[in-house]
Amino acid sequence: MGNNLYLHHSAAKTYLSRSAKSYMNNVLVNKPKAFGLVVKLDTSTKPFKIISYTEAPKWDSEHEPQLGIVHNLTSSGWTQKAPQQDPLIYHHRWLFVQTDYQGFSVASSMKRSLAWKTIVGGANRDLSSRIGRKSFWDNWLQKNGLPL
């Protein structure tokens, strides 16, 4: 969105500096294989500037993974922000990974996006502003007969 690019850590490595990779690897230490780390990059800078890492502990098992701890890079170093009570979620996780990603079925994830986007239709700003919250999203899925 805007000048920002969001990538799963497996797809982001080619864009990161040595120090950014080092921090990312430290976050990933002792995490399960299915753990996701979303890297937010500012593409208006060359090379791309790292903005944050966001943990997504159930990246491979949830259709719309919840955001966990956010690691933000500030001028004074790294800060951490805990997840919110009603967590935010990522949609279209297939867009964050390479097409050969093995953690989940990229094709199935694409089909899921198509299924719910077909119900939503065109630009529905009211819905778009609320689907990023887990509680609203789960309720909306149930009302529309889609699996959680």
N, C-alpha and C. Protein backbone atom coordinates (compact mmCIF):
# COMPACT_ATOMS: atom_id res chain seq x y z
N MET A 1 0.84 -1.17 0.00
CA MET A 1 0.00 0.00 0.00
C MET A 1 0.88 1.24 0.00
N GLY A 2 0.60 2.14 -0.89
CA GLY A 2 1.45 3.31 -1.01
C GLY A 2 2.84 2.90 -1.44
N ASN A 3 3.85 3.38 -0.76
CA ASN A 3 5.23 3.01 -1.05
C ASN A 3 5.68 1.80 -0.27
N ASN A 4 4.77 1.15 0.44
CA ASN A 4 5.14 0.02 1.28
C ASN A 4 4.91 -1.30 0.57
N LEU A 5 5.82 -2.21 0.80
CA LEU A 5 5.76 -3.55 0.26
C LEU A 5 5.78 -4.51 1.44
N TYR A 6 4.85 -5.47 1.46
CA TYR A 6 4.74 -6.44 2.54
C TYR A 6 5.10 -7.81 1.98
N LEU A 7 6.09 -8.47 2.60
CA LEU A 7 6.54 -9.77 2.13
C LEU A 7 6.74 -10.72 3.30
N HIS A 8 6.46 -12.00 3.08
CA HIS A 8 6.83 -13.03 4.04
C HIS A 8 8.35 -13.07 4.11
N HIS A 9 8.88 -13.42 5.27
CA HIS A 9 10.34 -13.38 5.42
C HIS A 9 11.07 -14.24 4.40
N SER A 10 10.44 -15.32 3.94
CA SER A 10 11.10 -16.19 2.96
C SER A 10 11.28 -15.50 1.61
N ALA A 11 10.43 -14.53 1.31
CA ALA A 11 10.51 -13.81 0.04
C ALA A 11 11.28 -12.50 0.16
N ALA A 12 11.51 -12.04 1.36
CA ALA A 12 12.09 -10.71 1.57
C ALA A 12 13.61 -10.71 1.65
N LYS A 13 14.22 -11.86 1.82
CA LYS A 13 15.66 -11.90 2.11
C LYS A 13 16.51 -11.19 1.07
N THR A 14 16.12 -11.23 -0.19
CA THR A 14 16.93 -10.59 -1.23
C THR A 14 16.90 -9.08 -1.16
N TYR A 15 15.94 -8.51 -0.42
CA TYR A 15 15.80 -7.06 -0.33
C TYR A 15 16.45 -6.46 0.92
N LEU A 16 16.94 -7.31 1.82
CA LEU A 16 17.37 -6.83 3.13
C LEU A 16 18.88 -6.64 3.22
N SER A 17 19.26 -5.65 4.01
CA SER A 17 20.67 -5.44 4.31
C SER A 17 21.14 -6.55 5.25
N ARG A 18 22.43 -6.63 5.45
CA ARG A 18 22.99 -7.65 6.35
C ARG A 18 22.46 -7.48 7.78
N SER A 19 22.39 -6.22 8.27
CA SER A 19 21.92 -6.00 9.65
C SER A 19 20.43 -6.31 9.77
N ALA A 20 19.65 -5.99 8.74
CA ALA A 20 18.22 -6.30 8.78
C ALA A 20 17.99 -7.80 8.77
N LYS A 21 18.78 -8.54 7.98
CA LYS A 21 18.69 -10.01 7.97
C LYS A 21 19.07 -10.57 9.33
N SER A 22 20.09 -10.00 9.95
CA SER A 22 20.54 -10.46 11.26
C SER A 22 19.42 -10.30 12.30
N TYR A 23 18.78 -9.13 12.30
CA TYR A 23 17.68 -8.91 13.25
C TYR A 23 16.55 -9.90 12.96
N MET A 24 16.20 -10.07 11.69
CA MET A 24 15.13 -11.00 11.32
C MET A 24 15.48 -12.42 11.80
N ASN A 25 16.69 -12.84 11.59
CA ASN A 25 17.09 -14.19 12.01
C ASN A 25 17.02 -14.34 13.53
N ASN A 26 17.35 -13.28 14.27
CA ASN A 26 17.24 -13.34 15.73
C ASN A 26 15.78 -13.48 16.17
N VAL A 27 14.86 -12.81 15.47
CA VAL A 27 13.44 -12.94 15.79
C VAL A 27 12.97 -14.37 15.52
N LEU A 28 13.51 -14.98 14.48
CA LEU A 28 13.06 -16.31 14.05
C LEU A 28 13.68 -17.46 14.86
N VAL A 29 14.68 -17.17 15.68
CA VAL A 29 15.33 -18.22 16.46
C VAL A 29 14.30 -18.93 17.33
N ASN A 30 14.34 -20.24 17.32
CA ASN A 30 13.47 -21.10 18.13
C ASN A 30 11.98 -20.97 17.81
N LYS A 31 11.64 -20.43 16.65
CA LYS A 31 10.24 -20.36 16.24
C LYS A 31 9.93 -21.60 15.41
N PRO A 32 8.68 -22.09 15.47
CA PRO A 32 8.33 -23.26 14.65
C PRO A 32 8.42 -22.94 13.16
N LYS A 33 8.55 -23.98 12.35
CA LYS A 33 8.71 -23.79 10.91
C LYS A 33 7.54 -23.02 10.30
N ALA A 34 6.34 -23.24 10.80
CA ALA A 34 5.14 -22.60 10.25
C ALA A 34 4.99 -21.14 10.67
N PHE A 35 5.91 -20.67 11.47
CA PHE A 35 5.88 -19.28 11.95
C PHE A 35 6.12 -18.33 10.78
N GLY A 36 5.35 -17.27 10.73
CA GLY A 36 5.54 -16.28 9.68
C GLY A 36 6.05 -14.97 10.24
N LEU A 37 6.81 -14.29 9.47
CA LEU A 37 7.29 -12.97 9.82
C LEU A 37 7.10 -12.11 8.58
N VAL A 38 6.23 -11.11 8.69
CA VAL A 38 5.96 -10.24 7.56
C VAL A 38 6.88 -9.04 7.63
N VAL A 39 7.59 -8.80 6.55
CA VAL A 39 8.54 -7.71 6.47
C VAL A 39 7.88 -6.56 5.71
N LYS A 40 7.89 -5.38 6.32
CA LYS A 40 7.34 -4.18 5.68
C LYS A 40 8.51 -3.33 5.21
N LEU A 41 8.54 -3.06 3.90
CA LEU A 41 9.63 -2.31 3.30
C LEU A 41 9.11 -1.00 2.69
N ASP A 42 9.92 0.03 2.77
CA ASP A 42 9.62 1.30 2.12
C ASP A 42 10.32 1.27 0.76
N THR A 43 9.53 1.21 -0.32
CA THR A 43 10.11 1.08 -1.66
C THR A 43 10.47 2.43 -2.28
N SER A 44 10.23 3.52 -1.56
CA SER A 44 10.59 4.84 -2.09
C SER A 44 12.08 5.13 -1.91
N THR A 45 12.76 4.28 -1.16
CA THR A 45 14.20 4.44 -0.93
C THR A 45 14.95 3.37 -1.70
N LYS A 46 16.16 3.67 -2.07
CA LYS A 46 17.02 2.69 -2.74
C LYS A 46 18.32 2.61 -1.96
N PRO A 47 18.71 1.49 -1.36
CA PRO A 47 17.91 0.27 -1.32
C PRO A 47 16.66 0.44 -0.46
N PHE A 48 15.75 -0.52 -0.58
CA PHE A 48 14.52 -0.45 0.20
C PHE A 48 14.86 -0.38 1.68
N LYS A 49 14.13 0.44 2.39
CA LYS A 49 14.36 0.61 3.82
C LYS A 49 13.39 -0.28 4.59
N ILE A 50 13.92 -0.98 5.58
CA ILE A 50 13.07 -1.81 6.44
C ILE A 50 12.28 -0.89 7.38
N ILE A 51 10.99 -1.15 7.51
CA ILE A 51 10.15 -0.38 8.42
C ILE A 51 9.80 -1.22 9.64
N SER A 52 9.39 -2.48 9.39
CA SER A 52 9.00 -3.32 10.52
C SER A 52 9.00 -4.79 10.13
N TYR A 53 9.01 -5.61 11.17
CA TYR A 53 8.75 -7.04 11.07
C TYR A 53 7.51 -7.29 11.91
N THR A 54 6.56 -8.04 11.39
CA THR A 54 5.37 -8.38 12.17
C THR A 54 5.27 -9.89 12.27
N GLU A 55 5.20 -10.39 13.50
CA GLU A 55 5.08 -11.82 13.72
C GLU A 55 3.67 -12.28 13.36
N ALA A 56 3.59 -13.43 12.73
CA ALA A 56 2.31 -14.08 12.42
C ALA A 56 2.50 -15.56 12.76
N PRO A 57 2.31 -15.91 14.04
CA PRO A 57 2.66 -17.25 14.52
C PRO A 57 1.98 -18.41 13.80
N LYS A 58 0.80 -18.20 13.25
CA LYS A 58 0.09 -19.30 12.57
C LYS A 58 -0.03 -19.03 11.08
N TRP A 59 1.02 -18.49 10.51
CA TRP A 59 1.03 -18.09 9.11
C TRP A 59 0.60 -19.22 8.18
N ASP A 60 1.13 -20.40 8.38
CA ASP A 60 0.84 -21.51 7.47
C ASP A 60 -0.49 -22.20 7.74
N SER A 61 -1.06 -22.02 8.92
CA SER A 61 -2.27 -22.78 9.27
C SER A 61 -3.56 -21.97 9.27
N GLU A 62 -3.48 -20.65 9.32
CA GLU A 62 -4.68 -19.82 9.30
C GLU A 62 -4.85 -19.19 7.91
N HIS A 63 -6.09 -19.22 7.40
CA HIS A 63 -6.35 -18.59 6.10
C HIS A 63 -6.00 -17.11 6.13
N GLU A 64 -6.38 -16.45 7.20
CA GLU A 64 -6.07 -15.04 7.41
C GLU A 64 -5.32 -14.92 8.73
N PRO A 65 -4.00 -15.01 8.66
CA PRO A 65 -3.19 -15.04 9.89
C PRO A 65 -3.32 -13.76 10.71
N GLN A 66 -3.31 -13.95 12.02
CA GLN A 66 -3.36 -12.82 12.96
C GLN A 66 -1.97 -12.20 13.10
N LEU A 67 -1.97 -10.90 13.27
CA LEU A 67 -0.72 -10.21 13.55
C LEU A 67 -0.35 -10.42 15.01
N GLY A 68 0.92 -10.69 15.24
CA GLY A 68 1.43 -10.83 16.59
C GLY A 68 2.22 -9.59 16.96
N ILE A 69 3.37 -9.81 17.58
CA ILE A 69 4.24 -8.71 17.99
C ILE A 69 4.77 -7.99 16.75
N VAL A 70 4.75 -6.67 16.78
CA VAL A 70 5.30 -5.86 15.70
C VAL A 70 6.63 -5.29 16.17
N HIS A 71 7.66 -5.50 15.37
CA HIS A 71 9.01 -4.98 15.64
C HIS A 71 9.21 -3.80 14.70
N ASN A 72 9.22 -2.59 15.22
CA ASN A 72 9.37 -1.38 14.42
C ASN A 72 10.80 -0.84 14.51
N LEU A 73 11.32 -0.43 13.37
CA LEU A 73 12.63 0.21 13.35
C LEU A 73 12.43 1.71 13.43
N THR A 74 12.97 2.31 14.49
CA THR A 74 12.89 3.76 14.67
C THR A 74 14.29 4.33 14.58
N SER A 75 14.39 5.63 14.63
CA SER A 75 15.71 6.27 14.56
C SER A 75 16.60 5.89 15.75
N SER A 76 15.98 5.46 16.85
CA SER A 76 16.76 5.07 18.02
C SER A 76 16.90 3.56 18.18
N GLY A 77 16.46 2.79 17.19
CA GLY A 77 16.61 1.34 17.24
C GLY A 77 15.26 0.63 17.12
N TRP A 78 15.25 -0.63 17.53
CA TRP A 78 14.07 -1.46 17.40
C TRP A 78 13.16 -1.32 18.62
N THR A 79 11.87 -1.25 18.38
CA THR A 79 10.86 -1.26 19.45
C THR A 79 9.89 -2.40 19.16
N GLN A 80 9.19 -2.82 20.19
CA GLN A 80 8.20 -3.89 20.02
C GLN A 80 6.83 -3.42 20.49
N LYS A 81 5.81 -3.84 19.76
CA LYS A 81 4.44 -3.50 20.10
C LYS A 81 3.64 -4.80 20.19
N ALA A 82 2.95 -4.98 21.31
CA ALA A 82 2.17 -6.21 21.53
C ALA A 82 0.94 -6.24 20.63
N PRO A 83 0.41 -7.43 20.36
CA PRO A 83 -0.81 -7.53 19.55
C PRO A 83 -1.99 -6.87 20.26
N GLN A 84 -2.95 -6.43 19.48
CA GLN A 84 -4.13 -5.79 20.03
C GLN A 84 -5.12 -6.83 20.55
N GLN A 85 -6.03 -6.39 21.42
CA GLN A 85 -7.05 -7.28 22.01
C GLN A 85 -7.86 -7.98 20.91
N ASP A 86 -8.35 -7.21 19.96
CA ASP A 86 -9.05 -7.75 18.79
C ASP A 86 -8.06 -7.64 17.64
N PRO A 87 -7.29 -8.71 17.41
CA PRO A 87 -6.12 -8.58 16.53
C PRO A 87 -6.49 -8.27 15.08
N LEU A 88 -5.53 -7.62 14.45
CA LEU A 88 -5.61 -7.41 13.01
C LEU A 88 -5.22 -8.71 12.31
N ILE A 89 -5.65 -8.85 11.07
CA ILE A 89 -5.34 -10.05 10.29
C ILE A 89 -4.82 -9.64 8.91
N TYR A 90 -4.11 -10.58 8.28
CA TYR A 90 -3.64 -10.40 6.92
C TYR A 90 -4.59 -11.14 5.98
N HIS A 91 -4.99 -10.48 4.90
CA HIS A 91 -5.74 -11.12 3.82
C HIS A 91 -4.79 -11.42 2.67
N HIS A 92 -5.17 -12.34 1.80
CA HIS A 92 -4.41 -12.66 0.57
C HIS A 92 -2.96 -13.03 0.88
N ARG A 93 -2.76 -13.96 1.81
CA ARG A 93 -1.39 -14.29 2.20
C ARG A 93 -0.56 -14.82 1.04
N TRP A 94 -1.23 -15.29 -0.01
CA TRP A 94 -0.50 -15.78 -1.19
C TRP A 94 0.28 -14.66 -1.87
N LEU A 95 -0.13 -13.42 -1.67
CA LEU A 95 0.58 -12.29 -2.28
C LEU A 95 1.91 -11.99 -1.58
N PHE A 96 2.12 -12.54 -0.40
CA PHE A 96 3.30 -12.25 0.41
C PHE A 96 4.45 -13.22 0.13
N VAL A 97 4.17 -14.30 -0.55
CA VAL A 97 5.15 -15.38 -0.72
C VAL A 97 5.46 -15.61 -2.20
N GLN A 98 6.50 -16.38 -2.45
CA GLN A 98 6.82 -16.82 -3.81
C GLN A 98 5.81 -17.88 -4.24
N THR A 99 5.64 -18.07 -5.53
CA THR A 99 4.66 -19.03 -6.03
C THR A 99 5.00 -20.48 -5.65
N ASP A 100 6.26 -20.75 -5.34
CA ASP A 100 6.65 -22.10 -4.96
C ASP A 100 6.73 -22.30 -3.44
N TYR A 101 6.15 -21.39 -2.69
CA TYR A 101 6.16 -21.49 -1.22
C TYR A 101 5.53 -22.82 -0.79
N GLN A 102 6.14 -23.51 0.17
CA GLN A 102 5.69 -24.84 0.57
C GLN A 102 4.89 -24.89 1.86
N GLY A 103 4.77 -23.78 2.58
CA GLY A 103 4.10 -23.81 3.88
C GLY A 103 2.59 -23.97 3.82
N PHE A 104 1.97 -23.51 2.74
CA PHE A 104 0.54 -23.69 2.52
C PHE A 104 0.31 -23.75 1.01
N SER A 105 -0.87 -24.15 0.61
CA SER A 105 -1.18 -24.21 -0.82
C SER A 105 -1.45 -22.81 -1.34
N VAL A 106 -0.55 -22.31 -2.15
CA VAL A 106 -0.71 -20.98 -2.74
C VAL A 106 -1.97 -20.95 -3.60
N ALA A 107 -2.21 -22.01 -4.37
CA ALA A 107 -3.40 -22.07 -5.23
C ALA A 107 -4.69 -22.03 -4.41
N SER A 108 -4.73 -22.76 -3.29
CA SER A 108 -5.92 -22.74 -2.43
C SER A 108 -6.13 -21.37 -1.80
N SER A 109 -5.04 -20.72 -1.43
CA SER A 109 -5.12 -19.39 -0.84
C SER A 109 -5.67 -18.39 -1.87
N MET A 110 -5.25 -18.53 -3.11
CA MET A 110 -5.77 -17.67 -4.18
C MET A 110 -7.27 -17.90 -4.37
N LYS A 111 -7.68 -19.16 -4.33
CA LYS A 111 -9.11 -19.48 -4.49
C LYS A 111 -9.93 -18.91 -3.35
N ARG A 112 -9.40 -18.95 -2.15
CA ARG A 112 -10.12 -18.37 -1.02
C ARG A 112 -10.31 -16.87 -1.22
N SER A 113 -9.28 -16.18 -1.65
CA SER A 113 -9.40 -14.74 -1.92
C SER A 113 -10.49 -14.49 -2.95
N LEU A 114 -10.50 -15.28 -4.00
CA LEU A 114 -11.49 -15.13 -5.05
C LEU A 114 -12.90 -15.36 -4.52
N ALA A 115 -13.06 -16.38 -3.65
CA ALA A 115 -14.38 -16.71 -3.10
C ALA A 115 -14.97 -15.56 -2.31
N TRP A 116 -14.18 -14.99 -1.40
CA TRP A 116 -14.77 -13.92 -0.59
C TRP A 116 -14.82 -12.59 -1.34
N LYS A 117 -13.87 -12.34 -2.24
CA LYS A 117 -13.92 -11.10 -3.02
C LYS A 117 -15.12 -11.10 -3.98
N THR A 118 -15.52 -12.27 -4.44
CA THR A 118 -16.69 -12.39 -5.30
C THR A 118 -17.95 -11.97 -4.54
N ILE A 119 -18.05 -12.35 -3.28
CA ILE A 119 -19.20 -11.98 -2.45
C ILE A 119 -19.19 -10.48 -2.17
N VAL A 120 -18.01 -9.94 -1.87
CA VAL A 120 -17.89 -8.52 -1.56
C VAL A 120 -18.23 -7.67 -2.77
N GLY A 121 -17.83 -8.12 -3.94
CA GLY A 121 -18.08 -7.35 -5.15
C GLY A 121 -17.08 -6.23 -5.30
N GLY A 122 -17.55 -5.09 -5.83
CA GLY A 122 -16.68 -3.95 -6.10
C GLY A 122 -16.18 -3.28 -4.84
N ALA A 123 -15.90 -2.03 -4.96
CA ALA A 123 -15.36 -1.26 -3.85
C ALA A 123 -16.43 -1.01 -2.80
N ASN A 124 -16.33 -1.72 -1.70
CA ASN A 124 -17.25 -1.55 -0.58
C ASN A 124 -16.43 -0.98 0.57
N ARG A 125 -16.35 0.33 0.63
CA ARG A 125 -15.48 1.00 1.61
C ARG A 125 -15.87 0.68 3.06
N ASP A 126 -17.16 0.57 3.32
CA ASP A 126 -17.59 0.27 4.69
C ASP A 126 -17.06 -1.09 5.13
N LEU A 127 -17.22 -2.08 4.29
CA LEU A 127 -16.72 -3.41 4.62
C LEU A 127 -15.20 -3.43 4.65
N SER A 128 -14.58 -2.80 3.67
CA SER A 128 -13.11 -2.79 3.59
C SER A 128 -12.46 -2.20 4.83
N SER A 129 -13.14 -1.27 5.48
CA SER A 129 -12.56 -0.64 6.66
C SER A 129 -12.67 -1.51 7.90
N ARG A 130 -13.46 -2.59 7.83
CA ARG A 130 -13.67 -3.41 9.03
C ARG A 130 -13.15 -4.84 8.93
N ILE A 131 -12.88 -5.32 7.74
CA ILE A 131 -12.50 -6.73 7.60
C ILE A 131 -11.11 -7.05 8.12
N GLY A 132 -10.36 -6.06 8.51
CA GLY A 132 -9.02 -6.29 9.03
C GLY A 132 -8.99 -6.73 10.48
N ARG A 133 -10.14 -6.73 11.14
CA ARG A 133 -10.23 -7.18 12.54
C ARG A 133 -10.75 -8.61 12.60
N LYS A 134 -10.10 -9.43 13.38
CA LYS A 134 -10.43 -10.86 13.48
C LYS A 134 -11.89 -11.09 13.86
N SER A 135 -12.41 -10.39 14.85
CA SER A 135 -13.78 -10.63 15.30
C SER A 135 -14.79 -10.32 14.20
N PHE A 136 -14.62 -9.20 13.52
CA PHE A 136 -15.54 -8.84 12.44
C PHE A 136 -15.43 -9.85 11.30
N TRP A 137 -14.21 -10.20 10.95
CA TRP A 137 -13.97 -11.11 9.83
C TRP A 137 -14.60 -12.48 10.07
N ASP A 138 -14.38 -13.04 11.24
CA ASP A 138 -14.96 -14.35 11.55
C ASP A 138 -16.49 -14.31 11.47
N ASN A 139 -17.07 -13.26 11.99
CA ASN A 139 -18.53 -13.10 11.95
C ASN A 139 -19.01 -12.97 10.49
N TRP A 140 -18.31 -12.19 9.69
CA TRP A 140 -18.67 -12.00 8.29
C TRP A 140 -18.58 -13.30 7.52
N LEU A 141 -17.53 -14.08 7.76
CA LEU A 141 -17.38 -15.37 7.09
C LEU A 141 -18.56 -16.29 7.40
N GLN A 142 -18.93 -16.36 8.69
CA GLN A 142 -20.04 -17.22 9.09
C GLN A 142 -21.35 -16.77 8.45
N LYS A 143 -21.60 -15.47 8.41
CA LYS A 143 -22.83 -14.96 7.80
C LYS A 143 -22.90 -15.27 6.31
N ASN A 144 -21.75 -15.39 5.68
CA ASN A 144 -21.71 -15.63 4.24
C ASN A 144 -21.39 -17.06 3.87
N GLY A 145 -21.42 -17.96 4.86
CA GLY A 145 -21.25 -19.39 4.59
C GLY A 145 -19.88 -19.80 4.12
N LEU A 146 -18.86 -19.07 4.52
CA LEU A 146 -17.49 -19.41 4.16
C LEU A 146 -16.78 -19.99 5.38
N PRO A 147 -15.86 -20.92 5.17
CA PRO A 147 -15.15 -21.51 6.31
C PRO A 147 -14.24 -20.51 6.99
N LEU A 148 -14.10 -20.70 8.31
CA LEU A 148 -13.18 -19.82 9.08
C LEU A 148 -11.75 -20.14 8.74
